[in-house]
Structure formats: structure tokens, C-alpha cells
Amino acid sequence: MISTVVTTSTVSIAVASAITGSLAVIGVLVLLSLLVQKEIFFSSGSKHSQRLSEVINIVLPPMLIAFVVIVLAKVLQAIQ
């Protein structure tokens, strides 16, 4: 009985770690694409593109905070 509980817990932790890693990669890719889009829209001369650049500015701070949290978690994981 105890070995079944330990095995189930180990599998659950492994699956959760894999999902967390995938979400971290997706978050970093979204952040990179938003930064590229912001620069493209900002460099364009049209008012519509300037407006889209301002909208992306609203999304960037939470994404940057998530990026910092991901990096800190990975650094702490590497230290242990």
C-alpha cells in the first residue's frame, strides 16, 4: 500500500514538473513574440500601428514579471 502511494505521488510530481516546464517555455515564447511585435508596430509610421504598440505595452509588464519568476525558479532549481 505504501509503495503504491509513493509511486503515485512520484508520477504526479513528474507530470506536474513536465507541465510547468512546458508552460514556462510557452510563456517565454509569448513574451519574445510580443516584444518583437511591439518593435515592429512602433517602427511603423501609421497611427494604427502606434495604437497596437500601446496596447502591447499593457500586456508586457505581467509577462515580464512571469519571466522573472520563471528565471528565479530555474536558478533556484539549479542551485539545489
Protein backbone atom coordinates (compact mmCIF):
# COMPACT_ATOMS: atom_id res chain seq x y z
CA MET A 1 0.00 0.00 0.00
CA ILE A 2 2.74 2.47 0.91
CA SER A 3 4.70 1.73 -2.26
CA THR A 4 1.59 2.45 -4.35
CA VAL A 5 1.12 5.83 -2.67
CA VAL A 6 4.79 6.73 -3.12
CA THR A 7 4.75 5.66 -6.77
CA THR A 8 1.57 7.63 -7.45
CA SER A 9 3.00 10.70 -5.76
CA THR A 10 6.25 10.42 -7.72
CA VAL A 11 4.39 10.13 -11.02
CA SER A 12 2.18 13.09 -10.11
CA ILE A 13 5.22 15.24 -9.30
CA ALA A 14 6.94 14.23 -12.55
CA VAL A 15 3.86 15.09 -14.62
CA ALA A 16 3.40 18.42 -12.82
CA SER A 17 7.06 19.29 -13.43
CA ALA A 18 6.73 18.50 -17.13
CA ILE A 19 3.60 20.63 -17.46
CA THR A 20 5.24 23.51 -15.58
CA GLY A 21 8.28 23.34 -17.84
CA SER A 22 6.08 23.44 -20.93
CA LEU A 23 4.15 26.43 -19.62
CA ALA A 24 7.41 28.23 -18.89
CA VAL A 25 8.60 27.71 -22.46
CA ILE A 26 5.26 28.90 -23.83
CA GLY A 27 5.37 32.00 -21.60
CA VAL A 28 8.88 32.91 -22.73
CA LEU A 29 7.93 32.45 -26.40
CA VAL A 30 4.84 34.63 -25.97
CA LEU A 31 6.97 37.32 -24.30
CA LEU A 32 9.50 37.23 -27.14
CA SER A 33 6.81 37.46 -29.80
CA LEU A 34 5.15 40.39 -28.01
CA LEU A 35 8.45 42.25 -27.78
CA VAL A 36 9.12 41.70 -31.49
CA GLN A 37 5.59 42.80 -32.42
CA LYS A 38 5.91 45.90 -30.25
CA GLU A 39 9.11 46.93 -32.03
CA ILE A 40 7.60 46.28 -35.45
CA PHE A 41 4.47 48.27 -34.65
CA PHE A 42 6.46 51.07 -33.02
CA SER A 43 8.77 51.46 -36.00
CA SER A 44 5.84 51.67 -38.40
CA GLY A 45 4.60 55.16 -39.14
CA SER A 46 0.84 54.55 -39.14
CA LYS A 47 -1.40 55.59 -36.26
CA HIS A 48 -3.00 52.15 -36.16
CA SER A 49 0.39 50.51 -35.60
CA GLN A 50 1.25 53.04 -32.91
CA ARG A 51 -2.03 52.21 -31.18
CA LEU A 52 -1.27 48.47 -31.31
CA SER A 53 2.13 49.18 -29.79
CA GLU A 54 0.43 50.96 -26.89
CA VAL A 55 -1.93 48.01 -26.38
CA ILE A 56 1.03 45.63 -26.22
CA ASN A 57 2.57 47.89 -23.57
CA ILE A 58 -0.33 46.93 -21.29
CA VAL A 59 0.41 43.21 -21.66
CA LEU A 60 4.19 43.39 -21.27
CA PRO A 61 4.61 44.12 -17.50
CA PRO A 62 2.76 40.97 -16.33
CA MET A 63 4.67 38.91 -18.89
CA LEU A 64 7.98 40.38 -17.69
CA ILE A 65 7.08 39.55 -14.09
CA ALA A 66 6.26 35.98 -15.13
CA PHE A 67 9.61 35.80 -16.94
CA VAL A 68 11.49 36.94 -13.82
CA VAL A 69 9.64 34.37 -11.72
CA ILE A 70 10.50 31.62 -14.21
CA VAL A 71 14.17 32.60 -14.26
CA LEU A 72 14.34 32.74 -10.45
CA ALA A 73 12.68 29.33 -10.17
CA LYS A 74 15.12 27.82 -12.67
CA VAL A 75 18.12 29.37 -10.89
CA LEU A 76 16.93 28.11 -7.50
CA GLN A 77 16.33 24.68 -9.01
CA ALA A 78 19.86 24.64 -10.44
CA ILE A 79 21.39 25.68 -7.12
CA GLN A 80 19.74 22.83 -5.20
